[in-house]
């Protein structure tokens, strides 16, 4: 068994898709749109075969609880080397995206950095 894809709701579909294309090498599918439900989405395919469905709709719940809410906490991207983690962290910070921590080696041995996508979703960049 494998996880087929992960779904992510966002408010700005096009900006979020462009972010993952520009910084993570994602390739977008054709846009899907359901006029009745107002749901629109793209499937993003990454070079290693992983897929992320990024979608939006008019009736999204925009309330975000403070702190660490229950639910998915981050997407992790294995970049292959410490140098790649450092470089992408620097590139994202220079482009104005929020940088939360690292690069650093965590207590459990991961070399990682945590940044945010345009919607504030946390992305863990690791080796």
N, C-alpha and C. Protein backbone atom coordinates (compact mmCIF):
# COMPACT_ATOMS: atom_id res chain seq x y z
N UNK A 1 0.84 -1.17 0.00
CA UNK A 1 0.00 0.00 0.00
C UNK A 1 0.89 1.24 0.00
N UNK A 2 0.41 2.31 -0.65
CA UNK A 2 1.10 3.59 -0.60
C UNK A 2 0.08 4.70 -0.51
N UNK A 3 0.49 5.83 0.02
CA UNK A 3 -0.37 7.00 0.01
C UNK A 3 -0.38 7.53 -1.41
N UNK A 4 -1.55 7.65 -2.01
CA UNK A 4 -1.68 8.04 -3.41
C UNK A 4 -1.41 9.53 -3.60
N UNK A 5 -1.98 10.35 -2.73
CA UNK A 5 -1.71 11.78 -2.74
C UNK A 5 -2.20 12.39 -1.44
N UNK A 6 -1.78 13.61 -1.19
CA UNK A 6 -2.24 14.40 -0.05
C UNK A 6 -2.97 15.59 -0.62
N UNK A 7 -4.08 15.98 0.00
CA UNK A 7 -4.86 17.12 -0.46
C UNK A 7 -4.66 18.31 0.46
N UNK A 8 -4.63 19.49 -0.14
CA UNK A 8 -4.39 20.72 0.60
C UNK A 8 -5.35 21.79 0.10
N UNK A 9 -6.18 22.35 0.99
CA UNK A 9 -7.04 23.47 0.63
C UNK A 9 -6.29 24.78 0.82
N UNK A 10 -6.46 25.70 -0.12
CA UNK A 10 -5.80 27.01 -0.06
C UNK A 10 -6.78 28.09 -0.52
N UNK A 11 -6.45 29.33 -0.22
CA UNK A 11 -7.30 30.43 -0.68
C UNK A 11 -6.86 30.95 -2.04
N UNK A 12 -5.56 30.91 -2.33
CA UNK A 12 -5.05 31.38 -3.62
C UNK A 12 -4.45 30.20 -4.38
N UNK A 13 -5.28 29.56 -5.16
CA UNK A 13 -4.90 28.34 -5.87
C UNK A 13 -3.72 28.57 -6.81
N UNK A 14 -3.81 29.58 -7.65
CA UNK A 14 -2.77 29.78 -8.67
C UNK A 14 -1.42 30.13 -8.04
N UNK A 15 -1.40 31.01 -7.04
CA UNK A 15 -0.13 31.39 -6.41
C UNK A 15 0.51 30.19 -5.71
N UNK A 16 -0.30 29.36 -5.08
CA UNK A 16 0.24 28.20 -4.38
C UNK A 16 0.81 27.19 -5.36
N UNK A 17 0.09 26.92 -6.44
CA UNK A 17 0.58 25.99 -7.46
C UNK A 17 1.88 26.51 -8.06
N UNK A 18 1.95 27.78 -8.37
CA UNK A 18 3.17 28.37 -8.94
C UNK A 18 4.35 28.25 -7.97
N UNK A 19 4.10 28.40 -6.67
CA UNK A 19 5.15 28.24 -5.65
C UNK A 19 5.76 26.84 -5.71
N UNK A 20 4.90 25.83 -5.72
CA UNK A 20 5.41 24.45 -5.75
C UNK A 20 6.10 24.11 -7.08
N UNK A 21 5.66 24.72 -8.15
CA UNK A 21 6.34 24.54 -9.44
C UNK A 21 7.72 25.19 -9.40
N UNK A 22 7.77 26.43 -8.95
CA UNK A 22 9.02 27.18 -8.98
C UNK A 22 10.08 26.63 -8.04
N UNK A 23 9.70 26.29 -6.81
CA UNK A 23 10.69 25.92 -5.81
C UNK A 23 10.88 24.42 -5.62
N UNK A 24 9.92 23.59 -6.05
CA UNK A 24 10.00 22.15 -5.80
C UNK A 24 9.89 21.30 -7.07
N UNK A 25 9.88 21.93 -8.23
CA UNK A 25 9.87 21.18 -9.47
C UNK A 25 8.59 20.43 -9.78
N UNK A 26 7.47 20.85 -9.18
CA UNK A 26 6.19 20.18 -9.42
C UNK A 26 5.68 20.47 -10.83
N UNK A 27 4.95 19.52 -11.37
CA UNK A 27 4.28 19.68 -12.66
C UNK A 27 2.78 19.61 -12.40
N UNK A 28 2.05 20.62 -12.87
CA UNK A 28 0.60 20.65 -12.62
C UNK A 28 -0.17 19.88 -13.68
N UNK A 29 -1.30 19.34 -13.25
CA UNK A 29 -2.24 18.69 -14.17
C UNK A 29 -3.12 19.77 -14.78
N UNK A 30 -4.03 19.35 -15.62
CA UNK A 30 -5.08 20.26 -16.08
C UNK A 30 -5.92 20.65 -14.87
N UNK A 31 -6.45 21.84 -14.89
CA UNK A 31 -7.28 22.32 -13.78
C UNK A 31 -8.64 21.63 -13.83
N UNK A 32 -9.09 21.18 -12.66
CA UNK A 32 -10.43 20.62 -12.52
C UNK A 32 -11.30 21.69 -11.87
N UNK A 33 -12.52 21.86 -12.36
CA UNK A 33 -13.45 22.80 -11.73
C UNK A 33 -14.86 22.24 -11.77
N UNK A 34 -15.53 22.27 -10.62
CA UNK A 34 -16.92 21.84 -10.51
C UNK A 34 -17.75 23.09 -10.22
N UNK A 35 -18.52 23.53 -11.18
CA UNK A 35 -19.31 24.75 -11.03
C UNK A 35 -20.34 24.64 -9.92
N UNK A 36 -20.90 23.46 -9.72
CA UNK A 36 -21.94 23.29 -8.71
C UNK A 36 -21.39 23.45 -7.29
N UNK A 37 -20.22 22.87 -7.02
CA UNK A 37 -19.66 22.94 -5.66
C UNK A 37 -18.65 24.08 -5.50
N UNK A 38 -18.23 24.70 -6.57
CA UNK A 38 -17.19 25.74 -6.66
C UNK A 38 -15.79 25.19 -6.37
N UNK A 39 -15.65 23.88 -6.32
CA UNK A 39 -14.34 23.26 -6.06
C UNK A 39 -13.49 23.28 -7.32
N UNK A 40 -12.24 23.74 -7.17
CA UNK A 40 -11.24 23.71 -8.24
C UNK A 40 -9.96 23.12 -7.68
N UNK A 41 -9.24 22.37 -8.50
CA UNK A 41 -7.98 21.83 -8.02
C UNK A 41 -7.04 21.49 -9.17
N UNK A 42 -5.78 21.35 -8.78
CA UNK A 42 -4.73 20.82 -9.64
C UNK A 42 -4.09 19.67 -8.88
N UNK A 43 -3.64 18.65 -9.60
CA UNK A 43 -2.75 17.66 -9.03
C UNK A 43 -1.34 18.08 -9.39
N UNK A 44 -0.48 18.15 -8.40
CA UNK A 44 0.93 18.46 -8.63
C UNK A 44 1.72 17.18 -8.51
N UNK A 45 2.49 16.88 -9.53
CA UNK A 45 3.36 15.69 -9.52
C UNK A 45 4.79 16.14 -9.33
N UNK A 46 5.49 15.50 -8.39
CA UNK A 46 6.87 15.83 -8.09
C UNK A 46 7.79 14.83 -8.76
N UNK A 47 9.05 15.20 -8.96
CA UNK A 47 9.97 14.34 -9.71
C UNK A 47 10.07 12.89 -9.22
N UNK A 48 9.87 12.65 -7.92
CA UNK A 48 9.99 11.28 -7.40
C UNK A 48 8.69 10.49 -7.49
N UNK A 49 7.62 11.11 -8.02
CA UNK A 49 6.34 10.42 -8.15
C UNK A 49 5.30 10.81 -7.12
N UNK A 50 5.69 11.51 -6.05
CA UNK A 50 4.71 11.96 -5.05
C UNK A 50 3.75 12.95 -5.69
N UNK A 51 2.51 12.99 -5.15
CA UNK A 51 1.51 13.91 -5.70
C UNK A 51 0.82 14.67 -4.58
N UNK A 52 0.52 15.92 -4.88
CA UNK A 52 -0.20 16.81 -3.96
C UNK A 52 -1.37 17.41 -4.72
N UNK A 53 -2.56 17.26 -4.17
CA UNK A 53 -3.72 17.91 -4.77
C UNK A 53 -3.94 19.23 -4.04
N UNK A 54 -3.89 20.32 -4.78
CA UNK A 54 -4.09 21.64 -4.21
C UNK A 54 -5.43 22.15 -4.73
N UNK A 55 -6.32 22.48 -3.80
CA UNK A 55 -7.66 22.86 -4.20
C UNK A 55 -8.20 24.05 -3.42
N UNK A 56 -9.30 24.57 -3.92
CA UNK A 56 -9.98 25.67 -3.26
C UNK A 56 -11.47 25.56 -3.56
N UNK A 57 -12.24 26.31 -2.81
CA UNK A 57 -13.68 26.43 -3.04
C UNK A 57 -14.18 27.66 -2.30
N UNK A 58 -15.37 28.14 -2.65
CA UNK A 58 -15.87 29.38 -2.07
C UNK A 58 -16.19 29.29 -0.59
N UNK A 59 -16.53 28.12 -0.09
CA UNK A 59 -16.98 28.00 1.30
C UNK A 59 -15.92 27.45 2.25
N UNK A 60 -14.65 27.78 2.02
CA UNK A 60 -13.59 27.33 2.92
C UNK A 60 -13.78 27.94 4.31
N UNK A 61 -13.46 27.17 5.33
CA UNK A 61 -13.44 27.67 6.70
C UNK A 61 -12.11 28.39 6.88
N UNK A 62 -12.13 29.69 7.03
CA UNK A 62 -10.90 30.46 7.12
C UNK A 62 -10.42 30.66 8.55
N UNK A 63 -11.11 30.07 9.53
CA UNK A 63 -10.69 30.17 10.92
C UNK A 63 -9.49 29.27 11.15
N UNK A 64 -8.42 29.84 11.65
CA UNK A 64 -7.23 29.05 11.99
C UNK A 64 -6.98 29.18 13.48
N UNK A 65 -7.05 28.07 14.20
CA UNK A 65 -6.76 28.16 15.63
C UNK A 65 -5.29 28.52 15.85
N UNK A 66 -5.03 29.20 16.95
CA UNK A 66 -3.66 29.60 17.28
C UNK A 66 -2.86 28.40 17.79
N UNK A 67 -1.56 28.56 17.81
CA UNK A 67 -0.69 27.52 18.36
C UNK A 67 -0.52 26.36 17.40
N UNK A 68 -0.61 25.16 17.93
CA UNK A 68 -0.43 23.94 17.16
C UNK A 68 -1.75 23.20 17.05
N UNK A 69 -2.55 23.48 16.01
CA UNK A 69 -3.86 22.83 15.89
C UNK A 69 -3.72 21.35 15.53
N UNK A 70 -4.73 20.59 15.89
CA UNK A 70 -4.77 19.17 15.56
C UNK A 70 -4.92 19.03 14.05
N UNK A 71 -4.25 18.05 13.46
CA UNK A 71 -4.35 17.81 12.03
C UNK A 71 -2.97 17.68 11.42
N UNK A 72 -2.91 17.74 10.12
CA UNK A 72 -1.63 17.64 9.44
C UNK A 72 -0.73 18.78 9.88
N UNK A 73 0.55 18.47 10.20
CA UNK A 73 1.40 19.54 10.70
C UNK A 73 2.38 20.07 9.68
N UNK A 74 2.82 19.28 8.73
CA UNK A 74 3.72 19.79 7.70
C UNK A 74 3.85 18.77 6.57
N UNK A 75 4.39 19.25 5.45
CA UNK A 75 4.83 18.38 4.37
C UNK A 75 6.34 18.38 4.43
N UNK A 76 6.96 17.23 4.31
CA UNK A 76 8.42 17.14 4.35
C UNK A 76 8.95 16.80 2.96
N UNK A 77 9.97 17.53 2.55
CA UNK A 77 10.62 17.31 1.26
C UNK A 77 12.06 16.90 1.50
N UNK A 78 12.44 15.70 1.07
CA UNK A 78 13.83 15.24 1.15
C UNK A 78 14.56 15.79 -0.07
N UNK A 79 15.54 16.65 0.17
CA UNK A 79 16.23 17.33 -0.92
C UNK A 79 17.55 16.67 -1.31
N UNK A 80 18.02 15.71 -0.53
CA UNK A 80 19.18 14.94 -0.93
C UNK A 80 20.49 15.31 -0.27
N UNK A 81 20.61 16.54 0.26
CA UNK A 81 21.87 16.93 0.90
C UNK A 81 21.64 18.13 1.81
N UNK A 82 22.57 18.31 2.75
CA UNK A 82 22.52 19.48 3.62
C UNK A 82 22.64 20.75 2.79
N UNK A 83 23.50 20.72 1.80
CA UNK A 83 23.71 21.88 0.94
C UNK A 83 22.41 22.28 0.25
N UNK A 84 21.65 21.29 -0.24
CA UNK A 84 20.38 21.59 -0.90
C UNK A 84 19.38 22.20 0.08
N UNK A 85 19.38 21.71 1.33
CA UNK A 85 18.50 22.28 2.36
C UNK A 85 18.89 23.74 2.60
N UNK A 86 20.18 23.99 2.78
CA UNK A 86 20.67 25.35 3.02
C UNK A 86 20.31 26.27 1.87
N UNK A 87 20.55 25.82 0.65
CA UNK A 87 20.31 26.66 -0.53
C UNK A 87 18.84 27.00 -0.72
N UNK A 88 17.96 25.99 -0.58
CA UNK A 88 16.54 26.27 -0.79
C UNK A 88 16.00 27.12 0.36
N UNK A 89 16.47 26.91 1.57
CA UNK A 89 16.06 27.75 2.69
C UNK A 89 16.40 29.21 2.41
N UNK A 90 17.62 29.45 1.97
CA UNK A 90 18.08 30.80 1.66
C UNK A 90 17.26 31.40 0.52
N UNK A 91 17.02 30.62 -0.51
CA UNK A 91 16.26 31.08 -1.68
C UNK A 91 14.82 31.46 -1.29
N UNK A 92 14.17 30.63 -0.48
CA UNK A 92 12.80 30.91 -0.06
C UNK A 92 12.73 32.14 0.84
N UNK A 93 13.67 32.26 1.78
CA UNK A 93 13.70 33.43 2.67
C UNK A 93 13.93 34.70 1.86
N UNK A 94 14.84 34.65 0.89
CA UNK A 94 15.13 35.81 0.04
C UNK A 94 13.91 36.20 -0.81
N UNK A 95 13.09 35.22 -1.15
CA UNK A 95 11.89 35.48 -1.93
C UNK A 95 10.73 35.98 -1.06
N UNK A 96 10.97 36.07 0.26
CA UNK A 96 9.97 36.62 1.16
C UNK A 96 9.07 35.62 1.85
N UNK A 97 9.34 34.35 1.71
CA UNK A 97 8.52 33.33 2.39
C UNK A 97 8.98 33.18 3.82
N UNK A 98 8.03 32.90 4.72
CA UNK A 98 8.33 32.81 6.14
C UNK A 98 9.27 31.65 6.44
N UNK A 99 10.30 31.93 7.22
CA UNK A 99 11.31 30.94 7.63
C UNK A 99 11.14 30.77 9.13
N UNK A 100 10.74 29.57 9.57
CA UNK A 100 10.43 29.34 10.98
C UNK A 100 11.60 28.83 11.79
N UNK A 101 12.44 27.95 11.21
CA UNK A 101 13.57 27.42 11.98
C UNK A 101 14.60 26.76 11.07
N UNK A 102 15.82 26.60 11.64
CA UNK A 102 16.89 25.92 10.95
C UNK A 102 17.52 26.77 9.86
N UNK A 103 18.34 26.13 9.08
CA UNK A 103 18.71 24.72 9.10
C UNK A 103 19.45 24.34 10.38
N UNK A 104 19.17 23.14 10.84
CA UNK A 104 19.77 22.63 12.07
C UNK A 104 19.63 21.12 12.11
N UNK A 105 20.40 20.51 12.98
CA UNK A 105 20.23 19.08 13.23
C UNK A 105 19.37 18.95 14.48
N UNK A 106 18.26 18.25 14.35
CA UNK A 106 17.32 18.11 15.46
C UNK A 106 17.79 17.04 16.44
N UNK A 107 17.14 16.97 17.57
CA UNK A 107 17.48 15.98 18.59
C UNK A 107 17.35 14.56 18.11
N UNK A 108 16.49 14.31 17.14
CA UNK A 108 16.33 12.95 16.61
C UNK A 108 17.17 12.72 15.35
N UNK A 109 18.11 13.65 15.07
CA UNK A 109 19.09 13.41 14.02
C UNK A 109 18.76 13.92 12.63
N UNK A 110 17.63 14.60 12.45
CA UNK A 110 17.29 15.14 11.14
C UNK A 110 18.00 16.47 10.92
N UNK A 111 18.52 16.68 9.74
CA UNK A 111 19.00 17.99 9.34
C UNK A 111 17.84 18.62 8.61
N UNK A 112 17.32 19.72 9.15
CA UNK A 112 16.10 20.28 8.58
C UNK A 112 16.01 21.78 8.74
N UNK A 113 15.12 22.32 7.95
CA UNK A 113 14.71 23.71 8.00
C UNK A 113 13.19 23.70 7.85
N UNK A 114 12.52 24.65 8.47
CA UNK A 114 11.06 24.74 8.32
C UNK A 114 10.72 26.11 7.76
N UNK A 115 10.01 26.10 6.64
CA UNK A 115 9.57 27.31 5.96
C UNK A 115 8.08 27.19 5.69
N UNK A 116 7.47 28.25 5.20
CA UNK A 116 6.04 28.22 4.90
C UNK A 116 5.79 28.49 3.42
N UNK A 117 4.74 27.87 2.89
CA UNK A 117 4.31 28.17 1.53
C UNK A 117 3.50 29.47 1.54
N UNK A 118 2.98 29.93 0.42
CA UNK A 118 2.26 31.21 0.40
C UNK A 118 1.03 31.26 1.31
N UNK A 119 0.49 30.10 1.68
CA UNK A 119 -0.71 30.05 2.52
C UNK A 119 -0.37 29.86 4.00
N UNK A 120 0.93 29.77 4.32
CA UNK A 120 1.34 29.56 5.71
C UNK A 120 1.44 28.11 6.13
N UNK A 121 1.30 27.18 5.18
CA UNK A 121 1.46 25.76 5.49
C UNK A 121 2.95 25.46 5.69
N UNK A 122 3.26 24.74 6.76
CA UNK A 122 4.66 24.46 7.07
C UNK A 122 5.25 23.39 6.17
N UNK A 123 6.46 23.66 5.69
CA UNK A 123 7.20 22.72 4.85
C UNK A 123 8.52 22.41 5.54
N UNK A 124 8.79 21.14 5.77
CA UNK A 124 10.05 20.72 6.35
C UNK A 124 10.97 20.34 5.21
N UNK A 125 12.10 21.03 5.15
CA UNK A 125 13.12 20.71 4.14
C UNK A 125 14.18 19.88 4.84
N UNK A 126 14.44 18.69 4.35
CA UNK A 126 15.39 17.80 4.99
C UNK A 126 16.25 17.11 3.95
N UNK A 127 17.25 16.37 4.43
CA UNK A 127 18.15 15.65 3.54
C UNK A 127 17.39 14.48 2.96
